[in-house]
N, C-alpha and C. Protein backbone atom coordinates (compact mmCIF):
# COMPACT_ATOMS: atom_id res chain seq x y z
N MET A 1 58.31 -19.70 -32.88
CA MET A 1 58.14 -19.46 -34.88
C MET A 1 58.40 -17.82 -34.92
N PRO A 2 59.40 -18.02 -35.91
CA PRO A 2 59.94 -16.95 -35.84
C PRO A 2 59.30 -15.77 -36.99
N GLY A 3 59.61 -14.71 -36.84
CA GLY A 3 58.86 -13.41 -37.64
C GLY A 3 59.24 -13.60 -39.04
N PRO A 4 58.64 -12.63 -39.45
CA PRO A 4 59.03 -12.43 -41.13
C PRO A 4 59.97 -12.08 -40.95
N ILE A 5 60.95 -12.85 -42.17
CA ILE A 5 62.17 -12.24 -42.23
C ILE A 5 63.34 -11.22 -42.76
N ASP A 6 61.97 -10.55 -43.36
CA ASP A 6 61.99 -8.86 -43.48
C ASP A 6 61.15 -7.71 -42.63
N SER A 7 60.82 -8.02 -41.43
CA SER A 7 60.28 -7.26 -40.74
C SER A 7 61.31 -6.57 -39.95
N GLU A 8 61.68 -5.53 -39.66
CA GLU A 8 62.66 -4.69 -38.70
C GLU A 8 62.31 -5.05 -37.12
N GLN A 9 60.55 -4.84 -36.88
CA GLN A 9 60.23 -5.78 -35.49
C GLN A 9 60.90 -6.82 -34.98
N SER A 10 60.85 -7.61 -36.42
CA SER A 10 61.39 -9.53 -35.91
C SER A 10 62.81 -9.83 -35.69
N LYS A 11 63.53 -9.11 -35.88
CA LYS A 11 65.01 -8.97 -36.29
C LYS A 11 65.47 -9.64 -34.53
N GLY A 12 64.98 -8.70 -33.38
CA GLY A 12 65.43 -9.27 -32.23
C GLY A 12 65.44 -10.94 -32.06
N SER A 13 64.03 -11.12 -32.05
CA SER A 13 63.69 -12.17 -31.80
C SER A 13 63.84 -13.18 -32.73
N ASN A 14 64.09 -13.20 -33.94
CA ASN A 14 64.72 -14.30 -35.00
C ASN A 14 66.16 -14.51 -34.55
N GLN A 15 66.93 -13.16 -34.10
CA GLN A 15 68.39 -13.68 -33.81
C GLN A 15 68.00 -14.51 -32.23
N LEU A 16 67.45 -14.02 -31.58
CA LEU A 16 67.71 -14.85 -30.63
C LEU A 16 67.35 -16.31 -30.87
N LEU A 17 66.06 -16.86 -31.73
CA LEU A 17 66.06 -18.04 -32.00
C LEU A 17 67.24 -18.55 -32.89
N ARG A 18 68.09 -18.10 -33.98
CA ARG A 18 68.98 -18.47 -34.35
C ARG A 18 70.17 -18.69 -33.33
N ASP A 19 70.45 -17.86 -32.19
CA ASP A 19 71.14 -18.48 -31.52
C ASP A 19 70.92 -19.46 -30.20
N GLY A 20 69.94 -20.14 -30.77
CA GLY A 20 69.03 -20.85 -29.52
C GLY A 20 68.86 -21.01 -28.27
N ALA A 21 67.49 -19.95 -28.06
CA ALA A 21 67.04 -19.44 -27.26
C ALA A 21 65.74 -20.71 -27.01
N VAL A 22 65.51 -20.22 -25.37
CA VAL A 22 64.93 -21.32 -25.46
C VAL A 22 63.64 -20.64 -24.60
N VAL A 23 62.36 -20.81 -24.81
CA VAL A 23 60.91 -20.04 -24.25
C VAL A 23 61.03 -21.18 -22.54
N ILE A 24 60.95 -19.59 -21.71
CA ILE A 24 60.33 -20.19 -20.22
C ILE A 24 58.96 -19.57 -20.10
N ALA A 25 58.23 -20.79 -19.84
CA ALA A 25 57.25 -20.83 -19.88
C ALA A 25 56.48 -21.09 -18.58
N SER A 26 57.34 -21.48 -17.56
CA SER A 26 56.53 -22.19 -16.12
C SER A 26 57.77 -22.00 -15.52
N VAL A 27 58.13 -22.15 -14.66
CA VAL A 27 59.35 -22.15 -13.25
C VAL A 27 60.02 -23.25 -13.39
N GLU A 28 59.19 -24.54 -13.83
CA GLU A 28 59.42 -25.75 -14.47
C GLU A 28 60.78 -25.32 -15.47
N ASP A 29 60.26 -24.59 -16.43
CA ASP A 29 60.79 -24.27 -17.20
C ASP A 29 62.36 -23.90 -17.04
N ALA A 30 62.19 -22.91 -15.96
CA ALA A 30 63.39 -22.34 -15.56
C ALA A 30 63.93 -23.06 -15.04
N LEU A 31 64.44 -23.96 -14.20
CA LEU A 31 64.62 -24.52 -13.15
C LEU A 31 65.40 -25.92 -14.11
N ALA A 32 64.65 -26.66 -15.27
CA ALA A 32 64.96 -27.26 -16.14
C ALA A 32 66.25 -26.67 -16.68
N LEU A 33 66.36 -25.47 -17.09
CA LEU A 33 67.17 -25.26 -18.00
C LEU A 33 68.42 -25.00 -17.06
N LEU A 34 67.79 -24.83 -16.07
CA LEU A 34 69.48 -24.51 -15.06
C LEU A 34 70.24 -25.90 -14.34
N GLY A 35 69.14 -27.09 -14.93
CA GLY A 35 69.88 -28.68 -14.74
C GLY A 35 69.08 -28.49 -12.91
N VAL A 36 68.07 -28.13 -12.51
CA VAL A 36 67.41 -28.29 -10.82
C VAL A 36 66.10 -28.53 -11.20
N SER A 37 65.79 -29.50 -10.49
CA SER A 37 64.55 -30.15 -10.63
C SER A 37 63.35 -29.43 -9.35
N ALA A 38 62.36 -29.59 -9.37
CA ALA A 38 61.71 -28.65 -8.54
C ALA A 38 61.49 -29.70 -7.50
N PRO A 39 60.99 -28.89 -6.25
CA PRO A 39 61.36 -29.73 -4.97
C PRO A 39 59.66 -30.46 -4.76
N LYS A 40 60.02 -31.89 -4.67
CA LYS A 40 59.07 -32.31 -4.51
C LYS A 40 57.82 -32.37 -3.11
N GLN A 41 56.51 -31.92 -3.29
CA GLN A 41 55.74 -31.57 -2.51
C GLN A 41 55.78 -32.83 -1.29
N ARG A 42 56.08 -32.88 -0.29
CA ARG A 42 55.36 -34.29 0.05
C ARG A 42 53.85 -34.00 0.59
N PRO A 43 53.43 -35.18 0.50
CA PRO A 43 51.84 -35.43 0.93
C PRO A 43 51.46 -34.78 2.33
N LEU A 44 50.49 -33.98 2.60
CA LEU A 44 50.67 -33.49 4.13
C LEU A 44 49.68 -34.51 4.44
N PRO A 45 49.96 -34.48 6.40
CA PRO A 45 49.41 -35.99 6.78
C PRO A 45 48.20 -35.16 7.59
N MET A 46 47.83 -36.58 8.00
CA MET A 46 46.29 -36.51 8.68
C MET A 46 46.58 -35.21 9.93
N LEU A 47 45.72 -33.93 10.01
CA LEU A 47 45.40 -33.18 10.58
C LEU A 47 43.98 -33.16 11.35
N ALA A 48 44.09 -32.61 12.70
CA ALA A 48 43.26 -32.54 13.66
C ALA A 48 42.18 -31.37 13.26
N ASP A 49 41.34 -31.04 13.26
CA ASP A 49 39.87 -30.08 12.94
C ASP A 49 40.34 -29.01 13.52
N PRO A 50 41.39 -28.43 14.38
CA PRO A 50 41.94 -27.29 14.78
C PRO A 50 43.07 -27.01 13.38
N GLU A 51 43.80 -27.55 13.28
CA GLU A 51 45.35 -28.09 12.44
C GLU A 51 44.52 -27.78 10.82
N ARG A 52 43.88 -28.36 10.53
CA ARG A 52 42.85 -28.42 9.42
C ARG A 52 42.57 -26.89 9.05
N ARG A 53 41.76 -26.69 10.25
CA ARG A 53 41.43 -24.77 9.89
C ARG A 53 42.58 -23.86 9.83
N VAL A 54 43.23 -23.86 10.77
CA VAL A 54 44.92 -23.44 10.72
C VAL A 54 45.56 -23.45 9.50
N TRP A 55 45.56 -24.28 9.03
CA TRP A 55 46.17 -25.00 7.53
C TRP A 55 45.68 -24.51 6.45
N ASP A 56 43.61 -24.35 6.06
CA ASP A 56 43.56 -24.08 5.83
C ASP A 56 43.76 -21.86 5.04
N VAL A 57 43.26 -21.41 6.46
CA VAL A 57 43.55 -20.29 6.67
C VAL A 57 44.79 -19.84 6.18
N LEU A 58 45.13 -20.73 6.23
CA LEU A 58 47.15 -20.41 5.77
C LEU A 58 47.66 -20.25 4.31
N GLY A 59 46.51 -21.00 3.90
CA GLY A 59 46.86 -20.96 1.83
C GLY A 59 46.74 -19.51 1.60
N GLU A 60 46.20 -18.47 2.65
CA GLU A 60 45.76 -17.18 2.10
C GLU A 60 47.33 -16.31 2.00
N GLY A 61 48.16 -16.82 2.69
CA GLY A 61 49.20 -16.20 2.60
C GLY A 61 49.85 -16.21 4.08
N TYR A 62 50.74 -15.20 4.62
CA TYR A 62 51.28 -14.91 5.63
C TYR A 62 49.37 -13.95 6.49
N VAL A 63 49.70 -14.20 7.78
CA VAL A 63 48.46 -13.85 8.60
C VAL A 63 48.98 -14.54 10.07
N GLU A 64 48.56 -13.08 10.98
CA GLU A 64 49.11 -12.87 12.14
C GLU A 64 47.87 -13.59 13.15
N LEU A 65 48.68 -13.83 14.24
CA LEU A 65 47.26 -14.75 15.10
C LEU A 65 46.28 -14.50 15.29
N ASP A 66 45.95 -12.83 15.49
CA ASP A 66 44.35 -12.89 15.80
C ASP A 66 43.59 -12.85 14.84
N SER A 67 43.94 -12.57 13.63
CA SER A 67 43.40 -12.96 12.37
C SER A 67 43.53 -13.89 12.29
N LEU A 68 44.55 -14.73 12.43
CA LEU A 68 44.49 -16.10 12.15
C LEU A 68 43.26 -17.19 12.65
N ALA A 69 43.25 -16.70 14.33
CA ALA A 69 42.33 -17.23 15.31
C ALA A 69 40.92 -16.94 14.58
N PHE A 70 40.91 -15.96 14.14
CA PHE A 70 39.25 -15.34 14.22
C PHE A 70 38.72 -16.14 12.60
N LYS A 71 39.54 -16.02 12.00
CA LYS A 71 38.98 -16.72 10.47
C LYS A 71 39.13 -18.65 10.53
N ALA A 72 39.73 -18.99 11.60
CA ALA A 72 39.72 -20.36 11.52
C ALA A 72 38.88 -20.74 12.92
N GLY A 73 37.89 -19.81 13.22
CA GLY A 73 36.99 -19.84 14.13
C GLY A 73 37.41 -20.30 15.62
N LEU A 74 38.24 -20.42 15.73
CA LEU A 74 39.19 -20.88 16.77
C LEU A 74 39.98 -20.18 18.44
N SER A 75 39.62 -20.17 19.11
CA SER A 75 40.52 -19.41 20.56
C SER A 75 41.66 -18.92 20.41
N ILE A 76 42.49 -18.13 20.79
CA ILE A 76 43.49 -17.94 21.06
C ILE A 76 43.99 -19.23 21.63
N PRO A 77 44.13 -19.95 22.76
CA PRO A 77 44.50 -20.91 23.23
C PRO A 77 44.51 -22.44 21.79
N GLU A 78 43.75 -22.38 21.18
CA GLU A 78 43.12 -23.50 20.49
C GLU A 78 44.01 -23.25 19.06
N CYS A 79 44.03 -21.57 19.07
CA CYS A 79 45.17 -21.30 17.73
C CYS A 79 46.72 -21.98 17.65
N LEU A 80 47.09 -21.50 19.21
CA LEU A 80 48.78 -21.41 19.26
C LEU A 80 48.82 -23.09 19.46
N SER A 81 47.80 -23.96 19.91
CA SER A 81 48.16 -25.32 19.88
C SER A 81 48.46 -25.75 18.63
N ALA A 82 47.29 -25.62 17.69
CA ALA A 82 47.73 -25.80 16.49
C ALA A 82 48.49 -25.54 15.53
N ILE A 83 48.95 -24.11 15.78
CA ILE A 83 50.19 -23.46 15.38
C ILE A 83 51.42 -24.57 15.97
N THR A 84 51.59 -24.47 17.02
CA THR A 84 52.88 -25.53 17.93
C THR A 84 52.58 -26.81 16.47
N SER A 85 51.48 -27.52 16.87
CA SER A 85 51.56 -28.75 16.15
C SER A 85 52.13 -28.61 14.63
N LEU A 86 51.61 -27.48 14.01
CA LEU A 86 51.92 -27.81 12.64
C LEU A 86 53.72 -27.03 12.71
N GLU A 87 53.77 -26.40 13.02
CA GLU A 87 55.49 -25.81 13.61
C GLU A 87 55.90 -27.37 13.47
N LEU A 88 55.60 -27.93 14.45
CA LEU A 88 56.67 -29.24 15.17
C LEU A 88 57.06 -30.32 13.89
N MET A 89 55.64 -29.94 12.54
CA MET A 89 55.54 -30.94 11.23
C MET A 89 56.04 -29.95 10.69
N GLN A 90 56.94 -29.26 11.03
CA GLN A 90 57.57 -28.51 9.58
C GLN A 90 56.74 -27.71 8.76
N LEU A 91 55.03 -27.50 9.23
CA LEU A 91 54.37 -27.62 8.27
C LEU A 91 54.13 -26.32 7.75
N ILE A 92 54.49 -25.11 8.79
CA ILE A 92 54.46 -23.72 8.65
C ILE A 92 55.70 -23.10 9.41
N ASP A 93 55.38 -21.72 9.40
CA ASP A 93 56.92 -21.07 9.38
C ASP A 93 56.64 -19.49 10.53
N CYS A 94 56.50 -19.67 11.63
CA CYS A 94 56.50 -18.11 12.53
C CYS A 94 57.60 -17.23 12.13
N ALA A 95 57.12 -16.30 11.74
CA ALA A 95 58.34 -15.14 11.62
C ALA A 95 58.37 -14.26 12.73
N PRO A 96 59.96 -14.44 12.59
CA PRO A 96 60.08 -13.14 14.53
C PRO A 96 58.93 -11.72 14.23
N SER A 97 58.57 -11.29 13.18
CA SER A 97 57.12 -9.99 13.16
C SER A 97 55.96 -10.61 13.74
N GLY A 98 55.75 -12.29 14.02
CA GLY A 98 54.37 -12.44 14.51
C GLY A 98 53.83 -12.93 13.00
N GLU A 99 53.91 -13.14 12.31
CA GLU A 99 53.34 -13.39 11.07
C GLU A 99 53.62 -15.19 10.61
N ILE A 100 52.50 -16.08 10.33
CA ILE A 100 52.52 -17.27 10.12
C ILE A 100 52.61 -17.82 8.86
N ARG A 101 52.83 -18.51 8.46
CA ARG A 101 52.70 -18.87 7.05
C ARG A 101 52.90 -20.78 6.67
N ARG A 102 52.49 -21.15 5.70
CA ARG A 102 52.89 -22.39 5.23
C ARG A 102 54.18 -22.14 5.03
N ALA A 103 54.79 -23.54 5.33
CA ALA A 103 56.28 -23.60 4.94
C ALA A 103 56.79 -23.75 3.74
């Protein structure tokens, strides 16, 4: 919606509209402007209980192993097994720093 034509504050936005500016209200809008579609999210496979617990905790972002095991209520060996399984399914990434996150 253009601003009042006699308003000094509307000159810039009115010029942008005249020049064909496009509103970008989301990532999808920006990608569409570039002619790129957003990557499709693949459905999450059936996960065993330990894997599901780890997956749920990783929804918070990067987590280190000790914290992940504690929050998921798993022992370190159980947590490592779940991490390995999730990593083989390419659902998570393990950074060299030891942080683990969803892929």
